[in-house]
Amino acid sequence: MQNDYIDLIQTTPVMQTKKCRFIAMLIKLFLQYTPVISAFIAWYLYDYFIAGATLLIMFIIVGIVRAKMRNSVIPLSQREYHYNDEGIANWFTAKEICPQTNDTTITTLNES
């Protein structure tokens, strides 16, 4: 019986410098809290109806940004896996912002 396995080609990058870890943390916080913070600001400045609409619109916008970031840096063979905001931020920081300081190891799983 033959089983189909998806080979894990690269592990999620680990940031080596403090600057890269800080940037990854800022991106993670942006992806997680932007809709809520913008809704609270809209609620404070306007009213709860505008805050609800802002929450929904920002949730859609941040979802699109998250998907674009995920699809631009994660290898094609690994896009089936689920990545949380921290994983997406680490991949994006390692590939786009700090590529020279991070060396991701390539692991291939060879099973017979």
Protein backbone atom coordinates (compact mmCIF):
# COMPACT_ATOMS: atom_id res chain seq x y z
CA MET A 1 0.00 0.00 0.00
CA GLN A 2 1.40 3.36 -0.98
CA ASN A 3 0.88 6.37 1.24
CA ASP A 4 1.16 9.90 -0.10
CA TYR A 5 3.23 12.12 2.15
CA ILE A 6 3.99 15.80 1.76
CA ASP A 7 7.71 16.24 2.33
CA LEU A 8 8.68 19.06 4.66
CA ILE A 9 11.35 20.88 2.71
CA GLN A 10 12.23 23.79 4.98
CA THR A 11 11.57 24.39 8.65
CA THR A 12 10.15 27.64 9.91
CA PRO A 13 13.09 30.06 10.21
CA VAL A 14 14.47 31.04 13.58
CA MET A 15 15.62 34.64 13.87
CA GLN A 16 19.26 34.98 14.87
CA THR A 17 19.60 38.69 15.66
CA LYS A 18 17.60 40.88 18.02
CA LYS A 19 16.73 43.27 15.20
CA CYS A 20 15.17 40.49 13.12
CA ARG A 21 13.27 39.09 16.12
CA PHE A 22 11.95 42.57 16.90
CA ILE A 23 10.80 43.10 13.30
CA ALA A 24 9.11 39.67 13.29
CA MET A 25 7.36 40.52 16.57
CA LEU A 26 6.12 43.85 15.13
CA ILE A 27 4.74 42.12 12.03
CA LYS A 28 3.05 39.50 14.22
CA LEU A 29 1.46 42.19 16.40
CA PHE A 30 0.34 44.08 13.28
CA LEU A 31 -1.36 40.98 11.89
CA GLN A 32 -3.02 40.10 15.18
CA TYR A 33 -4.19 43.39 16.63
CA THR A 34 -4.74 45.90 13.82
CA PRO A 35 -8.48 45.15 13.36
CA VAL A 36 -9.23 45.43 17.07
CA ILE A 37 -7.18 48.56 17.65
CA SER A 38 -8.68 50.30 14.62
CA ALA A 39 -12.18 49.35 15.81
CA PHE A 40 -11.49 50.81 19.26
CA ILE A 41 -10.18 54.02 17.68
CA ALA A 42 -13.27 54.26 15.47
CA TRP A 43 -15.50 53.61 18.47
CA TYR A 44 -13.76 56.33 20.47
CA LEU A 45 -13.89 58.88 17.63
CA TYR A 46 -17.31 58.06 16.17
CA ASP A 47 -19.75 55.44 17.46
CA TYR A 48 -20.22 51.69 17.84
CA PHE A 49 -21.83 51.19 14.40
CA ILE A 50 -18.81 52.70 12.63
CA ALA A 51 -16.54 50.66 14.93
CA GLY A 52 -18.28 47.43 13.93
CA ALA A 53 -17.98 48.27 10.25
CA THR A 54 -14.31 49.21 10.75
CA LEU A 55 -13.68 45.91 12.52
CA LEU A 56 -15.18 43.92 9.64
CA ILE A 57 -13.39 45.89 6.93
CA MET A 58 -10.03 45.77 8.72
CA PHE A 59 -10.45 42.04 9.33
CA ILE A 60 -10.85 41.55 5.57
CA ILE A 61 -7.93 43.88 4.72
CA VAL A 62 -5.56 42.26 7.21
CA GLY A 63 -6.64 38.83 5.98
CA ILE A 64 -5.70 39.81 2.44
CA VAL A 65 -2.34 41.21 3.62
CA ARG A 66 -1.72 38.02 5.63
CA ALA A 67 -2.49 35.84 2.61
CA LYS A 68 -0.25 37.91 0.32
CA MET A 69 2.62 37.75 2.81
CA ARG A 70 2.15 34.01 3.29
CA ASN A 71 2.04 33.22 -0.42
CA SER A 72 5.03 35.43 -1.25
CA VAL A 73 7.55 33.81 1.10
CA ILE A 74 6.48 30.25 1.96
CA PRO A 75 7.70 27.66 -0.55
CA LEU A 76 5.08 26.29 -2.93
CA SER A 77 5.30 22.73 -1.64
CA GLN A 78 4.61 23.85 1.94
CA ARG A 79 1.56 26.05 1.42
CA GLU A 80 -0.77 23.23 2.43
CA TYR A 81 0.41 23.50 6.01
CA HIS A 82 -1.27 25.84 8.50
CA TYR A 83 0.84 28.78 9.66
CA ASN A 84 -0.14 31.12 12.45
CA ASP A 85 0.72 34.83 12.51
CA GLU A 86 4.05 34.20 14.21
CA GLY A 87 5.07 31.67 11.58
CA ILE A 88 4.09 34.00 8.74
CA ALA A 89 5.99 36.87 10.38
CA ASN A 90 9.08 34.69 10.84
CA TRP A 91 9.00 33.49 7.22
CA PHE A 92 8.48 37.02 5.90
CA THR A 93 11.23 38.51 8.03
CA ALA A 94 13.68 35.76 7.15
CA LYS A 95 13.04 35.88 3.40
CA GLU A 96 12.37 39.57 2.72
CA ILE A 97 13.87 41.72 5.50
CA CYS A 98 16.79 39.74 6.98
CA PRO A 99 17.80 37.22 4.31
CA GLN A 100 21.56 37.48 4.85
CA THR A 101 21.47 36.82 8.60
CA ASN A 102 19.21 33.79 8.55
CA ASP A 103 20.28 30.47 7.11
CA THR A 104 17.37 28.05 6.95
CA THR A 105 18.30 24.42 6.89
CA ILE A 106 16.98 22.25 4.13
CA THR A 107 15.58 19.00 5.37
CA THR A 108 14.31 16.32 3.09
CA LEU A 109 12.41 13.31 4.29
CA ASN A 110 13.28 10.24 2.30
CA GLU A 111 11.00 7.39 3.20
CA SER A 112 10.83 4.18 1.27
